[in-house]
Amino acid sequence: MSRSLWKFVPVLMALFLLDGAAALAQNGTIKGQVTDPQGKAIAGAAVQVVSPEGTFERDAKTDAAGAYEVADLPAGAYLVVVTADGFEIAATDSAKPLMLAAGQTLVFNQQITA
């Protein structure tokens, strides 16, 4: 590559990185914490983020603090379904669609019962 072309490499790299950042801003995140009725964290709970039509699904697990995060979701409506061994979830909580906008982070905390 000639020396004159090398001076354009940083410019091209910057454009590539900016384009990638713009693409990420088009997506959003749903995160939260899963707890029992006493407010104690539920580690290892399965979290499903699903489009109401069932055409899109992402799975996550809660960490030791009961926290989960599902990132890089396209804008749209989502249902969050949480399950854990030995616990139940109130059907009305998982049946309410959440509206996620581009670049938005929604917090959806879920309390589950035994």
PDB file of N, CA and C in Angstrom:
ATOM      1  N   MET A   1       0.854  -1.161   0.000  1.00  0.00           N
ATOM      2  CA  MET A   1       0.000   0.000   0.000  1.00  0.00           C
ATOM      3  C   MET A   1       0.900   1.223   0.000  1.00  0.00           C
ATOM      4  N   SER A   2       0.528   2.200  -0.761  1.00  0.00           N
ATOM      5  CA  SER A   2       1.367   3.390  -0.844  1.00  0.00           C
ATOM      6  C   SER A   2       1.217   4.241   0.409  1.00  0.00           C
ATOM      7  N   ARG A   3       2.203   5.093   0.631  1.00  0.00           N
ATOM      8  CA  ARG A   3       2.191   5.939   1.823  1.00  0.00           C
ATOM      9  C   ARG A   3       0.991   6.878   1.851  1.00  0.00           C
ATOM     10  N   SER A   4       0.551   7.350   0.714  1.00  0.00           N
ATOM     11  CA  SER A   4      -0.576   8.283   0.687  1.00  0.00           C
ATOM     12  C   SER A   4      -1.875   7.607   1.117  1.00  0.00           C
ATOM     13  N   LEU A   5      -2.012   6.305   0.867  1.00  0.00           N
ATOM     14  CA  LEU A   5      -3.220   5.597   1.283  1.00  0.00           C
ATOM     15  C   LEU A   5      -3.243   5.331   2.785  1.00  0.00           C
ATOM     16  N   TRP A   6      -2.074   5.183   3.389  1.00  0.00           N
ATOM     17  CA  TRP A   6      -2.002   4.906   4.816  1.00  0.00           C
ATOM     18  C   TRP A   6      -2.609   6.020   5.651  1.00  0.00           C
ATOM     19  N   LYS A   7      -2.562   7.251   5.186  1.00  0.00           N
ATOM     20  CA  LYS A   7      -3.122   8.342   5.987  1.00  0.00           C
ATOM     21  C   LYS A   7      -4.650   8.277   6.061  1.00  0.00           C
ATOM     22  N   PHE A   8      -5.281   7.490   5.202  1.00  0.00           N
ATOM     23  CA  PHE A   8      -6.736   7.349   5.235  1.00  0.00           C
ATOM     24  C   PHE A   8      -7.203   6.202   6.141  1.00  0.00           C
ATOM     25  N   VAL A   9      -6.281   5.348   6.542  1.00  0.00           N
ATOM     26  CA  VAL A   9      -6.646   4.208   7.379  1.00  0.00           C
ATOM     27  C   VAL A   9      -7.300   4.662   8.692  1.00  0.00           C
ATOM     28  N   PRO A  10      -6.749   5.632   9.431  1.00  0.00           N
ATOM     29  CA  PRO A  10      -7.416   6.063  10.673  1.00  0.00           C
ATOM     30  C   PRO A  10      -8.811   6.636  10.417  1.00  0.00           C
ATOM     31  N   VAL A  11      -8.985   7.338   9.329  1.00  0.00           N
ATOM     32  CA  VAL A  11     -10.293   7.899   9.003  1.00  0.00           C
ATOM     33  C   VAL A  11     -11.290   6.779   8.725  1.00  0.00           C
ATOM     34  N   LEU A  12     -10.878   5.782   7.966  1.00  0.00           N
ATOM     35  CA  LEU A  12     -11.760   4.658   7.660  1.00  0.00           C
ATOM     36  C   LEU A  12     -12.107   3.865   8.915  1.00  0.00           C
ATOM     37  N   MET A  13     -11.136   3.691   9.793  1.00  0.00           N
ATOM     38  CA  MET A  13     -11.397   2.976  11.043  1.00  0.00           C
ATOM     39  C   MET A  13     -12.386   3.745  11.910  1.00  0.00           C
ATOM     40  N   ALA A  14     -12.245   5.049  11.982  1.00  0.00           N
ATOM     41  CA  ALA A  14     -13.162   5.868  12.767  1.00  0.00           C
ATOM     42  C   ALA A  14     -14.582   5.782  12.204  1.00  0.00           C
ATOM     43  N   LEU A  15     -14.716   5.819  10.897  1.00  0.00           N
ATOM     44  CA  LEU A  15     -16.036   5.695  10.278  1.00  0.00           C
ATOM     45  C   LEU A  15     -16.653   4.332  10.564  1.00  0.00           C
ATOM     46  N   PHE A  16     -15.849   3.293  10.512  1.00  0.00           N
ATOM     47  CA  PHE A  16     -16.330   1.946  10.804  1.00  0.00           C
ATOM     48  C   PHE A  16     -16.820   1.849  12.253  1.00  0.00           C
ATOM     49  N   LEU A  17     -16.072   2.395  13.199  1.00  0.00           N
ATOM     50  CA  LEU A  17     -16.456   2.343  14.604  1.00  0.00           C
ATOM     51  C   LEU A  17     -17.710   3.167  14.874  1.00  0.00           C
ATOM     52  N   LEU A  18     -17.826   4.324  14.251  1.00  0.00           N
ATOM     53  CA  LEU A  18     -19.019   5.150  14.423  1.00  0.00           C
ATOM     54  C   LEU A  18     -20.254   4.461  13.855  1.00  0.00           C
ATOM     55  N   ASP A  19     -20.087   3.786  12.731  1.00  0.00           N
ATOM     56  CA  ASP A  19     -21.199   3.058  12.130  1.00  0.00           C
ATOM     57  C   ASP A  19     -21.648   1.934  13.063  1.00  0.00           C
ATOM     58  N   GLY A  20     -20.722   1.250  13.674  1.00  0.00           N
ATOM     59  CA  GLY A  20     -21.057   0.185  14.616  1.00  0.00           C
ATOM     60  C   GLY A  20     -21.760   0.727  15.851  1.00  0.00           C
ATOM     61  N   ALA A  21     -21.319   1.880  16.359  1.00  0.00           N
ATOM     62  CA  ALA A  21     -21.965   2.489  17.519  1.00  0.00           C
ATOM     63  C   ALA A  21     -23.383   2.924  17.173  1.00  0.00           C
ATOM     64  N   ALA A  22     -23.590   3.425  15.975  1.00  0.00           N
ATOM     65  CA  ALA A  22     -24.936   3.820  15.549  1.00  0.00           C
ATOM     66  C   ALA A  22     -25.844   2.607  15.450  1.00  0.00           C
ATOM     67  N   ALA A  23     -25.319   1.500  14.993  1.00  0.00           N
ATOM     68  CA  ALA A  23     -26.124   0.283  14.887  1.00  0.00           C
ATOM     69  C   ALA A  23     -26.544  -0.206  16.270  1.00  0.00           C
ATOM     70  N   LEU A  24     -25.658  -0.135  17.263  1.00  0.00           N
ATOM     71  CA  LEU A  24     -25.998  -0.557  18.613  1.00  0.00           C
ATOM     72  C   LEU A  24     -27.051   0.340  19.235  1.00  0.00           C
ATOM     73  N   ALA A  25     -27.043   1.640  18.888  1.00  0.00           N
ATOM     74  CA  ALA A  25     -28.026   2.564  19.432  1.00  0.00           C
ATOM     75  C   ALA A  25     -29.431   2.240  18.941  1.00  0.00           C
ATOM     76  N   GLN A  26     -29.558   1.459  17.881  1.00  0.00           N
ATOM     77  CA  GLN A  26     -30.865   1.067  17.360  1.00  0.00           C
ATOM     78  C   GLN A  26     -31.505  -0.015  18.224  1.00  0.00           C
ATOM     79  N   ASN A  27     -30.741  -0.639  19.081  1.00  0.00           N
ATOM     80  CA  ASN A  27     -31.229  -1.734  19.901  1.00  0.00           C
ATOM     81  C   ASN A  27     -31.316  -1.303  21.353  1.00  0.00           C
ATOM     82  N   GLY A  28     -32.008  -2.087  22.144  1.00  0.00           N
ATOM     83  CA  GLY A  28     -32.171  -1.755  23.548  1.00  0.00           C
ATOM     84  C   GLY A  28     -31.843  -2.928  24.445  1.00  0.00           C
ATOM     85  N   THR A  29     -32.079  -2.740  25.738  1.00  0.00           N
ATOM     86  CA  THR A  29     -31.738  -3.731  26.750  1.00  0.00           C
ATOM     87  C   THR A  29     -32.890  -3.867  27.743  1.00  0.00           C
ATOM     88  N   ILE A  30     -33.141  -5.087  28.155  1.00  0.00           N
ATOM     89  CA  ILE A  30     -34.057  -5.347  29.265  1.00  0.00           C
ATOM     90  C   ILE A  30     -33.243  -6.024  30.355  1.00  0.00           C
ATOM     91  N   LYS A  31     -33.307  -5.468  31.556  1.00  0.00           N
ATOM     92  CA  LYS A  31     -32.559  -6.039  32.675  1.00  0.00           C
ATOM     93  C   LYS A  31     -33.391  -5.929  33.936  1.00  0.00           C
ATOM     94  N   GLY A  32     -32.986  -6.650  34.954  1.00  0.00           N
ATOM     95  CA  GLY A  32     -33.703  -6.578  36.219  1.00  0.00           C
ATOM     96  C   GLY A  32     -33.172  -7.571  37.226  1.00  0.00           C
ATOM     97  N   GLN A  33     -33.971  -7.786  38.257  1.00  0.00           N
ATOM     98  CA  GLN A  33     -33.592  -8.706  39.323  1.00  0.00           C
ATOM     99  C   GLN A  33     -34.783  -9.606  39.641  1.00  0.00           C
ATOM    100  N   VAL A  34     -34.501 -10.856  39.943  1.00  0.00           N
ATOM    101  CA  VAL A  34     -35.529 -11.836  40.313  1.00  0.00           C
ATOM    102  C   VAL A  34     -35.350 -12.137  41.797  1.00  0.00           C
ATOM    103  N   THR A  35     -36.457 -11.981  42.549  1.00  0.00           N
ATOM    104  CA  THR A  35     -36.409 -12.193  43.994  1.00  0.00           C
ATOM    105  C   THR A  35     -37.575 -13.062  44.455  1.00  0.00           C
ATOM    106  N   ASP A  36     -37.450 -13.572  45.690  1.00  0.00           N
ATOM    107  CA  ASP A  36     -38.551 -14.308  46.315  1.00  0.00           C
ATOM    108  C   ASP A  36     -39.422 -13.287  47.064  1.00  0.00           C
ATOM    109  N   PRO A  37     -40.518 -13.720  47.698  1.00  0.00           N
ATOM    110  CA  PRO A  37     -41.402 -12.774  48.389  1.00  0.00           C
ATOM    111  C   PRO A  37     -40.732 -11.985  49.526  1.00  0.00           C
ATOM    112  N   GLN A  38     -39.660 -12.520  50.090  1.00  0.00           N
ATOM    113  CA  GLN A  38     -38.931 -11.803  51.145  1.00  0.00           C
ATOM    114  C   GLN A  38     -37.880 -10.851  50.581  1.00  0.00           C
ATOM    115  N   GLY A  39     -37.755 -10.792  49.251  1.00  0.00           N
ATOM    116  CA  GLY A  39     -36.791  -9.893  48.624  1.00  0.00           C
ATOM    117  C   GLY A  39     -35.417 -10.493  48.441  1.00  0.00           C
ATOM    118  N   LYS A  40     -35.268 -11.786  48.724  1.00  0.00           N
ATOM    119  CA  LYS A  40     -33.969 -12.452  48.548  1.00  0.00           C
ATOM    120  C   LYS A  40     -33.765 -12.805  47.081  1.00  0.00           C
ATOM    121  N   ALA A  41     -32.543 -12.653  46.628  1.00  0.00           N
ATOM    122  CA  ALA A  41     -32.203 -12.916  45.229  1.00  0.00           C
ATOM    123  C   ALA A  41     -32.374 -14.387  44.889  1.00  0.00           C
ATOM    124  N   ILE A  42     -32.858 -14.641  43.672  1.00  0.00           N
ATOM    125  CA  ILE A  42     -32.979 -16.003  43.151  1.00  0.00           C
ATOM    126  C   ILE A  42     -31.883 -16.188  42.101  1.00  0.00           C
ATOM    127  N   ALA A  43     -30.841 -16.926  42.452  1.00  0.00           N
ATOM    128  CA  ALA A  43     -29.753 -17.197  41.509  1.00  0.00           C
ATOM    129  C   ALA A  43     -30.143 -18.352  40.594  1.00  0.00           C
ATOM    130  N   GLY A  44     -29.721 -18.281  39.344  1.00  0.00           N
ATOM    131  CA  GLY A  44     -29.933 -19.373  38.400  1.00  0.00           C
ATOM    132  C   GLY A  44     -31.331 -19.457  37.810  1.00  0.00           C
ATOM    133  N   ALA A  45     -32.154 -18.432  38.010  1.00  0.00           N
ATOM    134  CA  ALA A  45     -33.490 -18.427  37.397  1.00  0.00           C
ATOM    135  C   ALA A  45     -33.340 -18.254  35.887  1.00  0.00           C
ATOM    136  N   ALA A  46     -34.223 -18.910  35.147  1.00  0.00           N
ATOM    137  CA  ALA A  46     -34.227 -18.787  33.682  1.00  0.00           C
ATOM    138  C   ALA A  46     -35.109 -17.602  33.304  1.00  0.00           C
ATOM    139  N   VAL A  47     -34.577 -16.732  32.455  1.00  0.00           N
ATOM    140  CA  VAL A  47     -35.311 -15.561  31.982  1.00  0.00           C
ATOM    141  C   VAL A  47     -35.408 -15.665  30.467  1.00  0.00           C
ATOM    142  N   GLN A  48     -36.635 -15.591  29.953  1.00  0.00           N
ATOM    143  CA  GLN A  48     -36.859 -15.586  28.512  1.00  0.00           C
ATOM    144  C   GLN A  48     -37.466 -14.245  28.133  1.00  0.00           C
ATOM    145  N   VAL A  49     -36.875 -13.613  27.139  1.00  0.00           N
ATOM    146  CA  VAL A  49     -37.423 -12.389  26.565  1.00  0.00           C
ATOM    147  C   VAL A  49     -37.925 -12.782  25.183  1.00  0.00           C
ATOM    148  N   VAL A  50     -39.256 -12.670  24.982  1.00  0.00           N
ATOM    149  CA  VAL A  50     -39.899 -13.204  23.787  1.00  0.00           C
ATOM    150  C   VAL A  50     -40.807 -12.140  23.174  1.00  0.00           C
ATOM    151  N   SER A  51     -40.821 -12.081  21.845  1.00  0.00           N
ATOM    152  CA  SER A  51     -41.789 -11.206  21.180  1.00  0.00           C
ATOM    153  C   SER A  51     -43.176 -11.822  21.354  1.00  0.00           C
ATOM    154  N   PRO A  52     -44.242 -11.000  21.453  1.00  0.00           N
ATOM    155  CA  PRO A  52     -45.590 -11.549  21.644  1.00  0.00           C
ATOM    156  C   PRO A  52     -46.005 -12.537  20.552  1.00  0.00           C
ATOM    157  N   GLU A  53     -45.475 -12.358  19.337  1.00  0.00           N
ATOM    158  CA  GLU A  53     -45.801 -13.270  18.239  1.00  0.00           C
ATOM    159  C   GLU A  53     -45.022 -14.574  18.331  1.00  0.00           C
ATOM    160  N   GLY A  54     -43.991 -14.604  19.180  1.00  0.00           N
ATOM    161  CA  GLY A  54     -43.162 -15.790  19.317  1.00  0.00           C
ATOM    162  C   GLY A  54     -42.103 -15.938  18.235  1.00  0.00           C
ATOM    163  N   THR A  55     -41.862 -14.870  17.478  1.00  0.00           N
ATOM    164  CA  THR A  55     -40.888 -14.931  16.387  1.00  0.00           C
ATOM    165  C   THR A  55     -39.469 -14.602  16.833  1.00  0.00           C
ATOM    166  N   PHE A  56     -39.308 -14.115  18.064  1.00  0.00           N
ATOM    167  CA  PHE A  56     -37.993 -13.710  18.562  1.00  0.00           C
ATOM    168  C   PHE A  56     -37.893 -14.143  20.016  1.00  0.00           C
ATOM    169  N   GLU A  57     -36.761 -14.748  20.384  1.00  0.00           N
ATOM    170  CA  GLU A  57     -36.569 -15.194  21.758  1.00  0.00           C
ATOM    171  C   GLU A  57     -35.107 -15.098  22.144  1.00  0.00           C
ATOM    172  N   ARG A  58     -34.851 -14.603  23.351  1.00  0.00           N
ATOM    173  CA  ARG A  58     -33.510 -14.601  23.928  1.00  0.00           C
ATOM    174  C   ARG A  58     -33.610 -15.149  25.335  1.00  0.00           C
ATOM    175  N   ASP A  59     -32.624 -15.937  25.725  1.00  0.00           N
ATOM    176  CA  ASP A  59     -32.599 -16.555  27.044  1.00  0.00           C
ATOM    177  C   ASP A  59     -31.436 -16.013  27.864  1.00  0.00           C
ATOM    178  N   ALA A  60     -31.659 -15.941  29.174  1.00  0.00           N
ATOM    179  CA  ALA A  60     -30.607 -15.514  30.099  1.00  0.00           C
ATOM    180  C   ALA A  60     -30.811 -16.255  31.420  1.00  0.00           C
ATOM    181  N   LYS A  61     -29.814 -16.207  32.262  1.00  0.00           N
ATOM    182  CA  LYS A  61     -29.883 -16.770  33.620  1.00  0.00           C
ATOM    183  C   LYS A  61     -29.528 -15.662  34.600  1.00  0.00           C
ATOM    184  N   THR A  62     -30.126 -15.716  35.785  1.00  0.00           N
ATOM    185  CA  THR A  62     -29.773 -14.740  36.800  1.00  0.00           C
ATOM    186  C   THR A  62     -28.456 -15.119  37.472  1.00  0.00           C
ATOM    187  N   ASP A  63     -27.728 -14.107  37.898  1.00  0.00           N
ATOM    188  CA  ASP A  63     -26.458 -14.351  38.579  1.00  0.00           C
ATOM    189  C   ASP A  63     -26.714 -14.534  40.085  1.00  0.00           C
ATOM    190  N   ALA A  64     -25.662 -14.551  40.881  1.00  0.00           N
ATOM    191  CA  ALA A  64     -25.777 -14.778  42.324  1.00  0.00           C
ATOM    192  C   ALA A  64     -26.621 -13.706  43.015  1.00  0.00           C
ATOM    193  N   ALA A  65     -26.680 -12.513  42.444  1.00  0.00           N
ATOM    194  CA  ALA A  65     -27.478 -11.418  43.006  1.00  0.00           C
ATOM    195  C   ALA A  65     -28.897 -11.406  42.450  1.00  0.00           C
ATOM    196  N   GLY A  66     -29.244 -12.413  41.635  1.00  0.00           N
ATOM    197  CA  GLY A  66     -30.569 -12.474  41.036  1.00  0.00           C
ATOM    198  C   GLY A  66     -30.739 -11.551  39.844  1.00  0.00           C
ATOM    199  N   ALA A  67     -29.648 -10.962  39.379  1.00  0.00           N
ATOM    200  CA  ALA A  67     -29.709  -9.997  38.283  1.00  0.00           C
ATOM    201  C   ALA A  67     -29.565 -10.689  36.932  1.00  0.00           C
ATOM    202  N   TYR A  68     -30.219 -10.116  35.926  1.00  0.00           N
ATOM    203  CA  TYR A  68     -30.099 -10.589  34.549  1.00  0.00           C
ATOM    204  C   TYR A  68     -30.052  -9.378  33.626  1.00  0.00           C
ATOM    205  N   GLU A  69     -29.550  -9.601  32.427  1.00  0.00           N
ATOM    206  CA  GLU A  69     -29.527  -8.556  31.410  1.00  0.00           C
ATOM    207  C   GLU A  69     -29.581  -9.209  30.034  1.00  0.00           C
ATOM    208  N   VAL A  70     -30.485  -8.716  29.211  1.00  0.00           N
ATOM    209  CA  VAL A  70     -30.605  -9.174  27.830  1.00  0.00           C
ATOM    210  C   VAL A  70     -30.433  -7.941  26.961  1.00  0.00           C
ATOM    211  N   ALA A  71     -29.282  -7.869  26.291  1.00  0.00           N
ATOM    212  CA  ALA A  71     -28.928  -6.687  25.508  1.00  0.00           C
ATOM    213  C   ALA A  71     -29.108  -6.933  24.014  1.00  0.00           C
ATOM    214  N   ASP A  72     -28.956  -5.872  23.258  1.00  0.00           N
ATOM    215  CA  ASP A  72     -28.974  -5.911  21.794  1.00  0.00           C
ATOM    216  C   ASP A  72     -30.317  -6.416  21.254  1.00  0.00           C
ATOM    217  N   LEU A  73     -31.404  -5.931  21.864  1.00  0.00           N
ATOM    218  CA  LEU A  73     -32.742  -6.296  21.426  1.00  0.00           C
ATOM    219  C   LEU A  73     -33.276  -5.246  20.457  1.00  0.00           C
ATOM    220  N   PRO A  74     -33.830  -5.651  19.330  1.00  0.00           N
ATOM    221  CA  PRO A  74     -34.458  -4.672  18.437  1.00  0.00           C
ATOM    222  C   PRO A  74     -35.641  -4.003  19.142  1.00  0.00           C
ATOM    223  N   ALA A  75     -35.923  -2.763  18.793  1.00  0.00           N
ATOM    224  CA  ALA A  75     -37.069  -2.063  19.366  1.00  0.00           C
ATOM    225  C   ALA A  75     -38.337  -2.855  19.070  1.00  0.00           C
ATOM    226  N   GLY A  76     -39.258  -2.878  20.041  1.00  0.00           N
ATOM    227  CA  GLY A  76     -40.514  -3.591  19.853  1.00  0.00           C
ATOM    228  C   GLY A  76     -41.113  -4.028  21.169  1.00  0.00           C
ATOM    229  N   ALA A  77     -42.134  -4.865  21.087  1.00  0.00           N
ATOM    230  CA  ALA A  77     -42.825  -5.377  22.274  1.00  0.00           C
ATOM    231  C   ALA A  77     -42.215  -6.710  22.695  1.00  0.00           C
ATOM    232  N   TYR A  78     -42.089  -6.906  24.016  1.00  0.00           N
ATOM    233  CA  TYR A  78     -41.511  -8.139  24.544  1.00  0.00           C
ATOM    234  C   TYR A  78     -42.263  -8.604  25.778  1.00  0.00           C
ATOM    235  N   LEU A  79     -42.312  -9.905  25.936  1.00  0.00           N
ATOM    236  CA  LEU A  79     -42.781 -10.529  27.161  1.00  0.00           C
ATOM    237  C   LEU A  79     -41.554 -11.050  27.894  1.00  0.00           C
ATOM    238  N   VAL A  80     -41.549 -10.926  29.217  1.00  0.00           N
ATOM    239  CA  VAL A  80     -40.463 -11.462  30.027  1.00  0.00           C
ATOM    240  C   VAL A  80     -41.042 -12.572  30.885  1.00  0.00           C
ATOM    241  N   VAL A  81     -40.520 -13.786  30.703  1.00  0.00           N
ATOM    242  CA  VAL A  81     -41.011 -14.949  31.432  1.00  0.00           C
ATOM    243  C   VAL A  81     -39.865 -15.482  32.294  1.00  0.00           C
ATOM    244  N   VAL A  82     -40.127 -15.601  33.584  1.00  0.00           N
ATOM    245  CA  VAL A  82     -39.105 -16.039  34.535  1.00  0.00           C
ATOM    246  C   VAL A  82     -39.552 -17.361  35.154  1.00  0.00           C
ATOM    247  N   THR A  83     -38.641 -18.323  35.181  1.00  0.00           N
ATOM    248  CA  THR A  83     -38.915 -19.595  35.839  1.00  0.00           C
ATOM    249  C   THR A  83     -37.705 -19.983  36.690  1.00  0.00           C
ATOM    250  N   ALA A  84     -37.988 -20.659  37.797  1.00  0.00           N
ATOM    251  CA  ALA A  84     -36.923 -21.157  38.674  1.00  0.00           C
ATOM    252  C   ALA A  84     -37.436 -22.404  39.366  1.00  0.00           C
ATOM    253  N   ASP A  85     -36.569 -23.363  39.564  1.00  0.00           N
ATOM    254  CA  ASP A  85     -36.952 -24.611  40.233  1.00  0.00           C
ATOM    255  C   ASP A  85     -37.526 -24.311  41.613  1.00  0.00           C
ATOM    256  N   GLY A  86     -38.695 -24.873  41.892  1.00  0.00           N
ATOM    257  CA  GLY A  86     -39.317 -24.692  43.195  1.00  0.00           C
ATOM    258  C   GLY A  86     -40.101 -23.411  43.353  1.00  0.00           C
ATOM    259  N   PHE A  87     -40.232 -22.614  42.280  1.00  0.00           N
ATOM    260  CA  PHE A  87     -40.941 -21.336  42.364  1.00  0.00           C
ATOM    261  C   PHE A  87     -41.976 -21.239  41.247  1.00  0.00           C
ATOM    262  N   GLU A  88     -42.949 -20.359  41.459  1.00  0.00           N
ATOM    263  CA  GLU A  88     -43.954 -20.064  40.449  1.00  0.00           C
ATOM    264  C   GLU A  88     -43.876 -18.583  40.111  1.00  0.00           C
ATOM    265  N   ILE A  89     -44.446 -18.209  38.982  1.00  0.00           N
ATOM    266  CA  ILE A  89     -44.530 -16.797  38.605  1.00  0.00           C
ATOM    267  C   ILE A  89     -45.993 -16.451  38.445  1.00  0.00           C
ATOM    268  N   ALA A  90     -46.367 -15.243  38.813  1.00  0.00           N
ATOM    269  CA  ALA A  90     -47.741 -14.789  38.605  1.00  0.00           C
ATOM    270  C   ALA A  90     -47.954 -14.589  37.114  1.00  0.00           C
ATOM    271  N   ALA A  91     -48.921 -15.294  36.537  1.00  0.00           N
ATOM    272  CA  ALA A  91     -49.163 -15.253  35.088  1.00  0.00           C
ATOM    273  C   ALA A  91     -49.420 -13.841  34.594  1.00  0.00           C
ATOM    274  N   THR A  92     -50.047 -12.989  35.418  1.00  0.00           N
ATOM    275  CA  THR A  92     -50.359 -11.637  34.962  1.00  0.00           C
ATOM    276  C   THR A  92     -49.093 -10.810  34.739  1.00  0.00           C
ATOM    277  N   ASP A  93     -48.034 -11.084  35.481  1.00  0.00           N
ATOM    278  CA  ASP A  93     -46.803 -10.314  35.301  1.00  0.00           C
ATOM    279  C   ASP A  93     -46.132 -10.627  33.971  1.00  0.00           C
ATOM    280  N   SER A  94     -46.087 -11.904  33.588  1.00  0.00           N
ATOM    281  CA  SER A  94     -45.397 -12.260  32.351  1.00  0.00           C
ATOM    282  C   SER A  94     -46.270 -12.014  31.127  1.00  0.00           C
ATOM    283  N   ALA A  95     -47.566 -11.739  31.317  1.00  0.00           N
ATOM    284  CA  ALA A  95     -48.467 -11.555  30.184  1.00  0.00           C
ATOM    285  C   ALA A  95     -48.527 -10.107  29.709  1.00  0.00           C
ATOM    286  N   LYS A  96     -47.907  -9.202  30.404  1.00  0.00           N
ATOM    287  CA  LYS A  96     -47.937  -7.784  30.020  1.00  0.00           C
ATOM    288  C   LYS A  96     -46.753  -7.475  29.103  1.00  0.00           C
ATOM    289  N   PRO A  97     -47.017  -7.116  27.835  1.00  0.00           N
ATOM    290  CA  PRO A  97     -45.884  -6.781  26.947  1.00  0.00           C
ATOM    291  C   PRO A  97     -45.193  -5.494  27.395  1.00  0.00           C
ATOM    292  N   LEU A  98     -43.894  -5.497  27.313  1.00  0.00           N
ATOM    293  CA  LEU A  98     -43.086  -4.303  27.563  1.00  0.00           C
ATOM    294  C   LEU A  98     -42.741  -3.688  26.225  1.00  0.00           C
ATOM    295  N   MET A  99     -42.831  -2.372  26.106  1.00  0.00           N
ATOM    296  CA  MET A  99     -42.460  -1.685  24.864  1.00  0.00           C
ATOM    297  C   MET A  99     -41.038  -1.148  25.010  1.00  0.00           C
ATOM    298  N   LEU A 100     -40.143  -1.638  24.169  1.00  0.00           N
ATOM    299  CA  LEU A 100     -38.739  -1.249  24.196  1.00  0.00           C
ATOM    300  C   LEU A 100     -38.446  -0.365  23.000  1.00  0.00           C
ATOM    301  N   ALA A 101     -37.925   0.828  23.248  1.00  0.00           N
ATOM    302  CA  ALA A 101     -37.559   1.754  22.181  1.00  0.00           C
ATOM    303  C   ALA A 101     -36.069   1.616  21.865  1.00  0.00           C
ATOM    304  N   ALA A 102     -35.678   2.079  20.704  1.00  0.00           N
ATOM    305  CA  ALA A 102     -34.270   2.042  20.297  1.00  0.00           C
ATOM    306  C   ALA A 102     -33.419   2.812  21.302  1.00  0.00           C
ATOM    307  N   GLY A 103     -32.339   2.193  21.749  1.00  0.00           N
ATOM    308  CA  GLY A 103     -31.416   2.825  22.684  1.00  0.00           C
ATOM    309  C   GLY A 103     -31.884   2.836  24.130  1.00  0.00           C
ATOM    310  N   GLN A 104     -33.033   2.269  24.412  1.00  0.00           N
ATOM    311  CA  GLN A 104     -33.613   2.291  25.747  1.00  0.00           C
ATOM    312  C   GLN A 104     -33.157   1.096  26.578  1.00  0.00           C
ATOM    313  N   THR A 105     -33.048   1.302  27.898  1.00  0.00           N
ATOM    314  CA  THR A 105     -32.828   0.217  28.838  1.00  0.00           C
ATOM    315  C   THR A 105     -34.038   0.159  29.758  1.00  0.00           C
ATOM    316  N   LEU A 106     -34.771  -0.936  29.685  1.00  0.00           N
ATOM    317  CA  LEU A 106     -35.928  -1.149  30.559  1.00  0.00           C
ATOM    318  C   LEU A 106     -35.512  -1.998  31.748  1.00  0.00           C
ATOM    319  N   VAL A 107     -36.019  -1.666  32.912  1.00  0.00           N
ATOM    320  CA  VAL A 107     -35.777  -2.468  34.106  1.00  0.00           C
ATOM    321  C   VAL A 107     -37.069  -3.203  34.437  1.00  0.00           C
ATOM    322  N   PHE A 108     -37.001  -4.532  34.453  1.00  0.00           N
ATOM    323  CA  PHE A 108     -38.143  -5.373  34.783  1.00  0.00           C
ATOM    324  C   PHE A 108     -37.730  -6.310  35.902  1.00  0.00           C
ATOM    325  N   ASN A 109     -38.127  -5.958  37.136  1.00  0.00           N
ATOM    326  CA  ASN A 109     -37.854  -6.797  38.293  1.00  0.00           C
ATOM    327  C   ASN A 109     -39.020  -7.754  38.477  1.00  0.00           C
ATOM    328  N   GLN A 110     -38.725  -8.986  38.867  1.00  0.00           N
ATOM    329  CA  GLN A 110     -39.770  -9.990  39.007  1.00  0.00           C
ATOM    330  C   GLN A 110     -39.672 -10.660  40.357  1.00  0.00           C
ATOM    331  N   GLN A 111     -40.787 -10.697  41.069  1.00  0.00           N
ATOM    332  CA  GLN A 111     -40.848 -11.437  42.327  1.00  0.00           C
ATOM    333  C   GLN A 111     -41.614 -12.732  42.057  1.00  0.00           C
ATOM    334  N   ILE A 112     -41.040 -13.853  42.417  1.00  0.00           N
ATOM    335  CA  ILE A 112     -41.690 -15.141  42.199  1.00  0.00           C
ATOM    336  C   ILE A 112     -41.995 -15.794  43.531  1.00  0.00           C
ATOM    337  N   THR A 113     -42.996 -16.660  43.549  1.00  0.00           N
ATOM    338  CA  THR A 113     -43.438 -17.272  44.808  1.00  0.00           C
ATOM    339  C   THR A 113     -43.218 -18.778  44.790  1.00  0.00           C
ATOM    340  N   ALA A 114     -43.151 -19.336  45.975  1.00  0.00           N
ATOM    341  CA  ALA A 114     -42.948 -20.787  46.098  1.00  0.00           C
ATOM    342  C   ALA A 114     -44.249 -21.529  45.899  1.00  0.00           C
TER     343      ALA A 114
END
